[in-house]
Amino acid sequence: MAAKAILRAGGYKALRDEEALYRADVEKAHLAKKEYPCSMDWYAFAVAFKSVLLEGLEVAFIVLNLRHHPRQRSAGGRRGRRRPARRGHDRRPGA
C-alpha cells in the first residue's frame, strides 16, 4: 500500500479517478436492476447484508474484548468487582 502511495506521489503511477470508479459502480447497480426488473433487488440486498453483517461483527468484537477485561473501568466509572463498599470491612478480625 505504501509503495503505491509513494509511486503516485512521485508521478510514476496514475492517481485513482474516484469519480470514474463511482460512475462504474452506479452503472453496475443500474444494469443489475435492469436484468431482473420483476424480482427482488439482489444487488441492494447484498450491499445491505454486508453492511449489517460488518456492523454486527464490530459489536461482537467490542463485546468480546470488553468481556475479557473486567477490571478495567467501564463507561459507568465502576471499578473491579472485588472492591468493598466501605473501607475497613475488607480485613478479617485478628489478621
PDB file of N, CA and C in Angstrom:
ATOM      1  N   MET A   1       0.819  -1.188   0.000  1.00  0.00           N
ATOM      2  CA  MET A   1       0.000   0.000   0.000  1.00  0.00           C
ATOM      3  C   MET A   1       0.866   1.256   0.000  1.00  0.00           C
ATOM      4  N   ALA A   2       1.867   1.289   0.843  1.00  0.00           N
ATOM      5  CA  ALA A   2       2.710   2.479   0.934  1.00  0.00           C
ATOM      6  C   ALA A   2       3.507   2.670  -0.346  1.00  0.00           C
ATOM      7  N   ALA A   3       3.879   1.562  -1.001  1.00  0.00           N
ATOM      8  CA  ALA A   3       4.638   1.672  -2.247  1.00  0.00           C
ATOM      9  C   ALA A   3       3.795   2.346  -3.321  1.00  0.00           C
ATOM     10  N   LYS A   4       2.502   2.015  -3.378  1.00  0.00           N
ATOM     11  CA  LYS A   4       1.624   2.653  -4.353  1.00  0.00           C
ATOM     12  C   LYS A   4       1.511   4.147  -4.083  1.00  0.00           C
ATOM     13  N   ALA A   5       1.382   4.509  -2.822  1.00  0.00           N
ATOM     14  CA  ALA A   5       1.269   5.922  -2.469  1.00  0.00           C
ATOM     15  C   ALA A   5       2.535   6.676  -2.843  1.00  0.00           C
ATOM     16  N   ILE A   6       3.689   6.064  -2.634  1.00  0.00           N
ATOM     17  CA  ILE A   6       4.952   6.710  -2.980  1.00  0.00           C
ATOM     18  C   ILE A   6       5.067   6.880  -4.491  1.00  0.00           C
ATOM     19  N   LEU A   7       4.681   5.826  -5.243  1.00  0.00           N
ATOM     20  CA  LEU A   7       4.737   5.924  -6.698  1.00  0.00           C
ATOM     21  C   LEU A   7       3.767   6.972  -7.232  1.00  0.00           C
ATOM     22  N   ARG A   8       2.578   7.064  -6.620  1.00  0.00           N
ATOM     23  CA  ARG A   8       1.605   8.069  -7.059  1.00  0.00           C
ATOM     24  C   ARG A   8       2.094   9.476  -6.729  1.00  0.00           C
ATOM     25  N   ALA A   9       2.676   9.643  -5.556  1.00  0.00           N
ATOM     26  CA  ALA A   9       3.177  10.964  -5.165  1.00  0.00           C
ATOM     27  C   ALA A   9       4.344  11.387  -6.057  1.00  0.00           C
ATOM     28  N   GLY A  10       5.139  10.429  -6.497  1.00  0.00           N
ATOM     29  CA  GLY A  10       6.273  10.744  -7.364  1.00  0.00           C
ATOM     30  C   GLY A  10       5.888  10.919  -8.817  1.00  0.00           C
ATOM     31  N   GLY A  11       4.625  10.612  -9.162  1.00  0.00           N
ATOM     32  CA  GLY A  11       4.184  10.773 -10.542  1.00  0.00           C
ATOM     33  C   GLY A  11       4.467   9.575 -11.423  1.00  0.00           C
ATOM     34  N   TYR A  12       4.923   8.464 -10.853  1.00  0.00           N
ATOM     35  CA  TYR A  12       5.217   7.268 -11.638  1.00  0.00           C
ATOM     36  C   TYR A  12       3.985   6.406 -11.882  1.00  0.00           C
ATOM     37  N   LYS A  13       2.972   6.568 -11.063  1.00  0.00           N
ATOM     38  CA  LYS A  13       1.737   5.799 -11.202  1.00  0.00           C
ATOM     39  C   LYS A  13       0.586   6.803 -11.215  1.00  0.00           C
ATOM     40  N   ALA A  14      -0.383   6.542 -12.064  1.00  0.00           N
ATOM     41  CA  ALA A  14      -1.509   7.476 -12.188  1.00  0.00           C
ATOM     42  C   ALA A  14      -2.358   7.473 -10.915  1.00  0.00           C
ATOM     43  N   LEU A  15      -2.898   8.649 -10.599  1.00  0.00           N
ATOM     44  CA  LEU A  15      -3.801   8.755  -9.454  1.00  0.00           C
ATOM     45  C   LEU A  15      -5.105   8.034  -9.762  1.00  0.00           C
ATOM     46  N   ARG A  16      -5.763   7.572  -8.730  1.00  0.00           N
ATOM     47  CA  ARG A  16      -7.052   6.907  -8.928  1.00  0.00           C
ATOM     48  C   ARG A  16      -8.103   7.955  -9.261  1.00  0.00           C
ATOM     49  N   ASP A  17      -8.934   7.644 -10.227  1.00  0.00           N
ATOM     50  CA  ASP A  17     -10.026   8.524 -10.590  1.00  0.00           C
ATOM     51  C   ASP A  17     -11.271   8.049  -9.839  1.00  0.00           C
ATOM     52  N   GLU A  18     -11.504   8.619  -8.677  1.00  0.00           N
ATOM     53  CA  GLU A  18     -12.619   8.196  -7.828  1.00  0.00           C
ATOM     54  C   GLU A  18     -13.966   8.439  -8.493  1.00  0.00           C
ATOM     55  N   GLU A  19     -14.073   9.511  -9.254  1.00  0.00           N
ATOM     56  CA  GLU A  19     -15.334   9.802  -9.957  1.00  0.00           C
ATOM     57  C   GLU A  19     -15.657   8.697 -10.963  1.00  0.00           C
ATOM     58  N   ALA A  20     -14.653   8.258 -11.706  1.00  0.00           N
ATOM     59  CA  ALA A  20     -14.872   7.199 -12.694  1.00  0.00           C
ATOM     60  C   ALA A  20     -15.239   5.883 -12.012  1.00  0.00           C
ATOM     61  N   LEU A  21     -14.593   5.584 -10.893  1.00  0.00           N
ATOM     62  CA  LEU A  21     -14.927   4.359 -10.157  1.00  0.00           C
ATOM     63  C   LEU A  21     -16.355   4.412  -9.624  1.00  0.00           C
ATOM     64  N   TYR A  22     -16.761   5.575  -9.135  1.00  0.00           N
ATOM     65  CA  TYR A  22     -18.124   5.739  -8.634  1.00  0.00           C
ATOM     66  C   TYR A  22     -19.135   5.578  -9.768  1.00  0.00           C
ATOM     67  N   ARG A  23     -18.860   6.206 -10.908  1.00  0.00           N
ATOM     68  CA  ARG A  23     -19.781   6.082 -12.043  1.00  0.00           C
ATOM     69  C   ARG A  23     -19.896   4.635 -12.499  1.00  0.00           C
ATOM     70  N   ALA A  24     -18.784   3.896 -12.497  1.00  0.00           N
ATOM     71  CA  ALA A  24     -18.814   2.488 -12.896  1.00  0.00           C
ATOM     72  C   ALA A  24     -19.668   1.670 -11.924  1.00  0.00           C
ATOM     73  N   ASP A  25     -19.537   1.940 -10.620  1.00  0.00           N
ATOM     74  CA  ASP A  25     -20.344   1.214  -9.636  1.00  0.00           C
ATOM     75  C   ASP A  25     -21.828   1.537  -9.776  1.00  0.00           C
ATOM     76  N   VAL A  26     -22.137   2.796 -10.036  1.00  0.00           N
ATOM     77  CA  VAL A  26     -23.536   3.186 -10.229  1.00  0.00           C
ATOM     78  C   VAL A  26     -24.097   2.516 -11.477  1.00  0.00           C
ATOM     79  N   GLU A  27     -23.300   2.456 -12.544  1.00  0.00           N
ATOM     80  CA  GLU A  27     -23.749   1.805 -13.783  1.00  0.00           C
ATOM     81  C   GLU A  27     -23.990   0.312 -13.550  1.00  0.00           C
ATOM     82  N   LYS A  28     -23.104  -0.339 -12.781  1.00  0.00           N
ATOM     83  CA  LYS A  28     -23.313  -1.757 -12.449  1.00  0.00           C
ATOM     84  C   LYS A  28     -24.619  -1.950 -11.683  1.00  0.00           C
ATOM     85  N   ALA A  29     -24.903  -1.042 -10.761  1.00  0.00           N
ATOM     86  CA  ALA A  29     -26.135  -1.141  -9.985  1.00  0.00           C
ATOM     87  C   ALA A  29     -27.356  -0.983 -10.878  1.00  0.00           C
ATOM     88  N   HIS A  30     -27.298  -0.041 -11.819  1.00  0.00           N
ATOM     89  CA  HIS A  30     -28.428   0.155 -12.728  1.00  0.00           C
ATOM     90  C   HIS A  30     -28.595  -1.033 -13.660  1.00  0.00           C
ATOM     91  N   LEU A  31     -27.503  -1.597 -14.144  1.00  0.00           N
ATOM     92  CA  LEU A  31     -27.592  -2.768 -15.011  1.00  0.00           C
ATOM     93  C   LEU A  31     -28.126  -3.977 -14.257  1.00  0.00           C
ATOM     94  N   ALA A  32     -27.728  -4.135 -13.013  1.00  0.00           N
ATOM     95  CA  ALA A  32     -28.225  -5.258 -12.215  1.00  0.00           C
ATOM     96  C   ALA A  32     -29.726  -5.137 -12.010  1.00  0.00           C
ATOM     97  N   LYS A  33     -30.213  -3.930 -11.879  1.00  0.00           N
ATOM     98  CA  LYS A  33     -31.649  -3.715 -11.692  1.00  0.00           C
ATOM     99  C   LYS A  33     -32.407  -3.979 -12.988  1.00  0.00           C
ATOM    100  N   LYS A  34     -31.813  -3.661 -14.136  1.00  0.00           N
ATOM    101  CA  LYS A  34     -32.478  -3.868 -15.422  1.00  0.00           C
ATOM    102  C   LYS A  34     -32.543  -5.338 -15.811  1.00  0.00           C
ATOM    103  N   GLU A  35     -31.603  -6.146 -15.350  1.00  0.00           N
ATOM    104  CA  GLU A  35     -31.586  -7.564 -15.707  1.00  0.00           C
ATOM    105  C   GLU A  35     -32.783  -8.306 -15.143  1.00  0.00           C
ATOM    106  N   TYR A  36     -33.186  -7.988 -13.945  1.00  0.00           N
ATOM    107  CA  TYR A  36     -34.296  -8.667 -13.289  1.00  0.00           C
ATOM    108  C   TYR A  36     -35.308  -7.627 -12.810  1.00  0.00           C
ATOM    109  N   PRO A  37     -36.121  -7.091 -13.706  1.00  0.00           N
ATOM    110  CA  PRO A  37     -37.000  -5.989 -13.318  1.00  0.00           C
ATOM    111  C   PRO A  37     -38.131  -6.389 -12.368  1.00  0.00           C
ATOM    112  N   CYS A  38     -38.593  -7.632 -12.381  1.00  0.00           N
ATOM    113  CA  CYS A  38     -39.760  -8.022 -11.578  1.00  0.00           C
ATOM    114  C   CYS A  38     -39.397  -8.736 -10.283  1.00  0.00           C
ATOM    115  N   SER A  39     -38.154  -9.118 -10.123  1.00  0.00           N
ATOM    116  CA  SER A  39     -37.781  -9.871  -8.927  1.00  0.00           C
ATOM    117  C   SER A  39     -37.186  -8.950  -7.875  1.00  0.00           C
ATOM    118  N   MET A  40     -36.715  -9.571  -6.843  1.00  0.00           N
ATOM    119  CA  MET A  40     -36.109  -8.829  -5.738  1.00  0.00           C
ATOM    120  C   MET A  40     -34.800  -8.172  -6.198  1.00  0.00           C
ATOM    121  N   ASP A  41     -34.472  -7.035  -5.624  1.00  0.00           N
ATOM    122  CA  ASP A  41     -33.241  -6.325  -5.953  1.00  0.00           C
ATOM    123  C   ASP A  41     -32.095  -6.978  -5.184  1.00  0.00           C
ATOM    124  N   TRP A  42     -31.435  -7.950  -5.812  1.00  0.00           N
ATOM    125  CA  TRP A  42     -30.401  -8.722  -5.137  1.00  0.00           C
ATOM    126  C   TRP A  42     -29.144  -7.898  -4.897  1.00  0.00           C
ATOM    127  N   TYR A  43     -28.884  -6.951  -5.749  1.00  0.00           N
ATOM    128  CA  TYR A  43     -27.715  -6.096  -5.558  1.00  0.00           C
ATOM    129  C   TYR A  43     -27.866  -5.289  -4.268  1.00  0.00           C
ATOM    130  N   ALA A  44     -29.025  -4.672  -4.107  1.00  0.00           N
ATOM    131  CA  ALA A  44     -29.279  -3.897  -2.881  1.00  0.00           C
ATOM    132  C   ALA A  44     -29.295  -4.806  -1.660  1.00  0.00           C
ATOM    133  N   PHE A  45     -29.838  -6.015  -1.812  1.00  0.00           N
ATOM    134  CA  PHE A  45     -29.856  -6.972  -0.709  1.00  0.00           C
ATOM    135  C   PHE A  45     -28.429  -7.329  -0.283  1.00  0.00           C
ATOM    136  N   ALA A  46     -27.568  -7.584  -1.250  1.00  0.00           N
ATOM    137  CA  ALA A  46     -26.181  -7.952  -0.933  1.00  0.00           C
ATOM    138  C   ALA A  46     -25.452  -6.807  -0.227  1.00  0.00           C
ATOM    139  N   VAL A  47     -25.648  -5.579  -0.698  1.00  0.00           N
ATOM    140  CA  VAL A  47     -24.994  -4.423  -0.081  1.00  0.00           C
ATOM    141  C   VAL A  47     -25.495  -4.234   1.348  1.00  0.00           C
ATOM    142  N   ALA A  48     -26.815  -4.327   1.545  1.00  0.00           N
ATOM    143  CA  ALA A  48     -27.379  -4.165   2.889  1.00  0.00           C
ATOM    144  C   ALA A  48     -26.923  -5.296   3.809  1.00  0.00           C
ATOM    145  N   PHE A  49     -26.890  -6.519   3.288  1.00  0.00           N
ATOM    146  CA  PHE A  49     -26.473  -7.664   4.101  1.00  0.00           C
ATOM    147  C   PHE A  49     -25.031  -7.514   4.565  1.00  0.00           C
ATOM    148  N   LYS A  50     -24.167  -7.078   3.652  1.00  0.00           N
ATOM    149  CA  LYS A  50     -22.758  -6.896   4.015  1.00  0.00           C
ATOM    150  C   LYS A  50     -22.603  -5.826   5.094  1.00  0.00           C
ATOM    151  N   SER A  51     -23.337  -4.736   4.959  1.00  0.00           N
ATOM    152  CA  SER A  51     -23.185  -3.666   5.949  1.00  0.00           C
ATOM    153  C   SER A  51     -23.708  -4.096   7.309  1.00  0.00           C
ATOM    154  N   VAL A  52     -24.840  -4.800   7.335  1.00  0.00           N
ATOM    155  CA  VAL A  52     -25.387  -5.265   8.608  1.00  0.00           C
ATOM    156  C   VAL A  52     -24.463  -6.313   9.226  1.00  0.00           C
ATOM    157  N   LEU A  53     -23.920  -7.191   8.406  1.00  0.00           N
ATOM    158  CA  LEU A  53     -23.001  -8.212   8.908  1.00  0.00           C
ATOM    159  C   LEU A  53     -21.747  -7.577   9.501  1.00  0.00           C
ATOM    160  N   LEU A  54     -21.189  -6.578   8.829  1.00  0.00           N
ATOM    161  CA  LEU A  54     -19.990  -5.921   9.342  1.00  0.00           C
ATOM    162  C   LEU A  54     -20.268  -5.180  10.645  1.00  0.00           C
ATOM    163  N   GLU A  55     -21.426  -4.513  10.733  1.00  0.00           N
ATOM    164  CA  GLU A  55     -21.775  -3.814  11.977  1.00  0.00           C
ATOM    165  C   GLU A  55     -21.947  -4.807  13.122  1.00  0.00           C
ATOM    166  N   GLY A  56     -22.600  -5.939  12.831  1.00  0.00           N
ATOM    167  CA  GLY A  56     -22.786  -6.958  13.864  1.00  0.00           C
ATOM    168  C   GLY A  56     -21.464  -7.534  14.339  1.00  0.00           C
ATOM    169  N   LEU A  57     -20.553  -7.784  13.418  1.00  0.00           N
ATOM    170  CA  LEU A  57     -19.242  -8.302  13.799  1.00  0.00           C
ATOM    171  C   LEU A  57     -18.464  -7.279  14.623  1.00  0.00           C
ATOM    172  N   GLU A  58     -18.613  -6.015  14.272  1.00  0.00           N
ATOM    173  CA  GLU A  58     -17.931  -4.966  15.037  1.00  0.00           C
ATOM    174  C   GLU A  58     -18.426  -4.950  16.478  1.00  0.00           C
ATOM    175  N   VAL A  59     -19.728  -5.025  16.661  1.00  0.00           N
ATOM    176  CA  VAL A  59     -20.295  -5.041  18.015  1.00  0.00           C
ATOM    177  C   VAL A  59     -19.839  -6.287  18.761  1.00  0.00           C
ATOM    178  N   ALA A  60     -19.825  -7.433  18.079  1.00  0.00           N
ATOM    179  CA  ALA A  60     -19.397  -8.675  18.733  1.00  0.00           C
ATOM    180  C   ALA A  60     -17.943  -8.588  19.181  1.00  0.00           C
ATOM    181  N   PHE A  61     -17.076  -8.030  18.356  1.00  0.00           N
ATOM    182  CA  PHE A  61     -15.668  -7.882  18.742  1.00  0.00           C
ATOM    183  C   PHE A  61     -15.520  -6.946  19.934  1.00  0.00           C
ATOM    184  N   ILE A  62     -16.278  -5.874  19.953  1.00  0.00           N
ATOM    185  CA  ILE A  62     -16.207  -4.942  21.083  1.00  0.00           C
ATOM    186  C   ILE A  62     -16.661  -5.618  22.359  1.00  0.00           C
ATOM    187  N   VAL A  63     -17.775  -6.340  22.300  1.00  0.00           N
ATOM    188  CA  VAL A  63     -18.301  -7.017  23.486  1.00  0.00           C
ATOM    189  C   VAL A  63     -17.330  -8.067  23.981  1.00  0.00           C
ATOM    190  N   LEU A  64     -16.770  -8.858  23.078  1.00  0.00           N
ATOM    191  CA  LEU A  64     -15.824  -9.890  23.489  1.00  0.00           C
ATOM    192  C   LEU A  64     -14.553  -9.281  24.067  1.00  0.00           C
ATOM    193  N   ASN A  65     -14.116  -8.182  23.522  1.00  0.00           N
ATOM    194  CA  ASN A  65     -12.909  -7.535  24.031  1.00  0.00           C
ATOM    195  C   ASN A  65     -13.142  -6.976  25.431  1.00  0.00           C
ATOM    196  N   LEU A  66     -14.270  -6.348  25.651  1.00  0.00           N
ATOM    197  CA  LEU A  66     -14.551  -5.788  26.976  1.00  0.00           C
ATOM    198  C   LEU A  66     -14.861  -6.880  27.990  1.00  0.00           C
ATOM    199  N   ARG A  67     -15.365  -8.001  27.536  1.00  0.00           N
ATOM    200  CA  ARG A  67     -15.716  -9.097  28.435  1.00  0.00           C
ATOM    201  C   ARG A  67     -14.466  -9.708  29.075  1.00  0.00           C
ATOM    202  N   HIS A  68     -13.369  -9.723  28.378  1.00  0.00           N
ATOM    203  CA  HIS A  68     -12.161 -10.367  28.894  1.00  0.00           C
ATOM    204  C   HIS A  68     -11.309  -9.438  29.748  1.00  0.00           C
ATOM    205  N   HIS A  69     -11.737  -8.211  29.977  1.00  0.00           N
ATOM    206  CA  HIS A  69     -11.006  -7.274  30.813  1.00  0.00           C
ATOM    207  C   HIS A  69     -11.943  -6.682  31.864  1.00  0.00           C
ATOM    208  N   PRO A  70     -12.375  -7.490  32.840  1.00  0.00           N
ATOM    209  CA  PRO A  70     -13.386  -6.989  33.786  1.00  0.00           C
ATOM    210  C   PRO A  70     -12.841  -5.967  34.783  1.00  0.00           C
ATOM    211  N   ARG A  71     -11.545  -5.890  34.992  1.00  0.00           N
ATOM    212  CA  ARG A  71     -11.016  -4.965  35.992  1.00  0.00           C
ATOM    213  C   ARG A  71     -10.819  -3.550  35.455  1.00  0.00           C
ATOM    214  N   GLN A  72     -10.931  -3.380  34.172  1.00  0.00           N
ATOM    215  CA  GLN A  72     -10.825  -2.027  33.634  1.00  0.00           C
ATOM    216  C   GLN A  72     -12.092  -1.253  33.957  1.00  0.00           C
ATOM    217  N   ARG A  73     -11.954   0.047  33.999  1.00  0.00           N
ATOM    218  CA  ARG A  73     -13.125   0.870  34.265  1.00  0.00           C
ATOM    219  C   ARG A  73     -14.086   0.796  33.096  1.00  0.00           C
ATOM    220  N   SER A  74     -15.350   0.681  33.403  1.00  0.00           N
ATOM    221  CA  SER A  74     -16.359   0.667  32.353  1.00  0.00           C
ATOM    222  C   SER A  74     -16.817   2.088  32.093  1.00  0.00           C
ATOM    223  N   ALA A  75     -17.764   2.242  31.181  1.00  0.00           N
ATOM    224  CA  ALA A  75     -18.253   3.566  30.827  1.00  0.00           C
ATOM    225  C   ALA A  75     -18.946   4.227  32.018  1.00  0.00           C
ATOM    226  N   GLY A  76     -19.499   3.422  32.926  1.00  0.00           N
ATOM    227  CA  GLY A  76     -20.185   3.968  34.089  1.00  0.00           C
ATOM    228  C   GLY A  76     -19.251   4.394  35.204  1.00  0.00           C
ATOM    229  N   GLY A  77     -17.963   4.110  35.085  1.00  0.00           N
ATOM    230  CA  GLY A  77     -16.998   4.530  36.079  1.00  0.00           C
ATOM    231  C   GLY A  77     -16.818   3.538  37.216  1.00  0.00           C
ATOM    232  N   ARG A  78     -17.421   2.367  37.102  1.00  0.00           N
ATOM    233  CA  ARG A  78     -17.253   1.372  38.165  1.00  0.00           C
ATOM    234  C   ARG A  78     -15.869   0.758  38.073  1.00  0.00           C
ATOM    235  N   ARG A  79     -15.376   0.302  39.217  1.00  0.00           N
ATOM    236  CA  ARG A  79     -14.074  -0.353  39.218  1.00  0.00           C
ATOM    237  C   ARG A  79     -14.276  -1.857  39.264  1.00  0.00           C
ATOM    238  N   GLY A  80     -13.261  -2.593  39.643  1.00  0.00           N
ATOM    239  CA  GLY A  80     -13.328  -4.046  39.689  1.00  0.00           C
ATOM    240  C   GLY A  80     -14.426  -4.562  40.602  1.00  0.00           C
ATOM    241  N   ARG A  81     -14.772  -5.818  40.459  1.00  0.00           N
ATOM    242  CA  ARG A  81     -15.891  -6.407  41.200  1.00  0.00           C
ATOM    243  C   ARG A  81     -15.570  -6.651  42.671  1.00  0.00           C
ATOM    244  N   ARG A  82     -14.315  -6.856  43.012  1.00  0.00           N
ATOM    245  CA  ARG A  82     -13.962  -7.261  44.375  1.00  0.00           C
ATOM    246  C   ARG A  82     -13.747  -6.094  45.327  1.00  0.00           C
ATOM    247  N   ARG A  83     -13.974  -4.911  44.912  1.00  0.00           N
ATOM    248  CA  ARG A  83     -13.743  -3.752  45.763  1.00  0.00           C
ATOM    249  C   ARG A  83     -14.850  -3.664  46.816  1.00  0.00           C
ATOM    250  N   PRO A  84     -14.498  -3.543  48.094  1.00  0.00           N
ATOM    251  CA  PRO A  84     -15.531  -3.471  49.133  1.00  0.00           C
ATOM    252  C   PRO A  84     -16.296  -2.147  49.079  1.00  0.00           C
ATOM    253  N   ALA A  85     -17.480  -2.183  49.645  1.00  0.00           N
ATOM    254  CA  ALA A  85     -18.332  -0.991  49.622  1.00  0.00           C
ATOM    255  C   ALA A  85     -17.764   0.102  50.523  1.00  0.00           C
ATOM    256  N   ARG A  86     -17.257  -0.284  51.711  1.00  0.00           N
ATOM    257  CA  ARG A  86     -16.675   0.699  52.640  1.00  0.00           C
ATOM    258  C   ARG A  86     -15.274   0.261  53.024  1.00  0.00           C
ATOM    259  N   ARG A  87     -14.452   1.205  53.350  1.00  0.00           N
ATOM    260  CA  ARG A  87     -13.089   0.868  53.761  1.00  0.00           C
ATOM    261  C   ARG A  87     -13.111   0.284  55.171  1.00  0.00           C
ATOM    262  N   GLY A  88     -12.219  -0.630  55.428  1.00  0.00           N
ATOM    263  CA  GLY A  88     -12.129  -1.233  56.743  1.00  0.00           C
ATOM    264  C   GLY A  88     -12.894  -2.543  56.848  1.00  0.00           C
ATOM    265  N   HIS A  89     -13.784  -2.813  55.946  1.00  0.00           N
ATOM    266  CA  HIS A  89     -14.564  -4.057  56.000  1.00  0.00           C
ATOM    267  C   HIS A  89     -13.905  -5.185  55.230  1.00  0.00           C
ATOM    268  N   ASP A  90     -12.785  -4.916  54.591  1.00  0.00           N
ATOM    269  CA  ASP A  90     -12.137  -5.962  53.825  1.00  0.00           C
ATOM    270  C   ASP A  90     -11.145  -6.760  54.669  1.00  0.00           C
ATOM    271  N   ARG A  91     -10.922  -6.394  55.912  1.00  0.00           N
ATOM    272  CA  ARG A  91      -9.996  -7.114  56.791  1.00  0.00           C
ATOM    273  C   ARG A  91     -10.747  -8.086  57.684  1.00  0.00           C
ATOM    274  N   ARG A  92     -10.129  -9.225  57.864  1.00  0.00           N
ATOM    275  CA  ARG A  92     -10.711 -10.193  58.797  1.00  0.00           C
ATOM    276  C   ARG A  92     -10.268  -9.853  60.206  1.00  0.00           C
ATOM    277  N   PRO A  93     -11.126 -10.092  61.181  1.00  0.00           N
ATOM    278  CA  PRO A  93     -10.695  -9.814  62.569  1.00  0.00           C
ATOM    279  C   PRO A  93      -9.555 -10.741  62.971  1.00  0.00           C
ATOM    280  N   GLY A  94      -8.583 -10.188  63.627  1.00  0.00           N
ATOM    281  CA  GLY A  94      -7.452 -10.957  64.112  1.00  0.00           C
ATOM    282  C   GLY A  94      -6.353 -11.120  63.060  1.00  0.00           C
ATOM    283  N   ALA A  95      -6.507 -10.572  61.908  1.00  0.00           N
ATOM    284  CA  ALA A  95      -5.498 -10.740  60.862  1.00  0.00           C
ATOM    285  C   ALA A  95      -4.480  -9.639  60.921  1.00  0.00           C
TER     286      ALA A  95
END
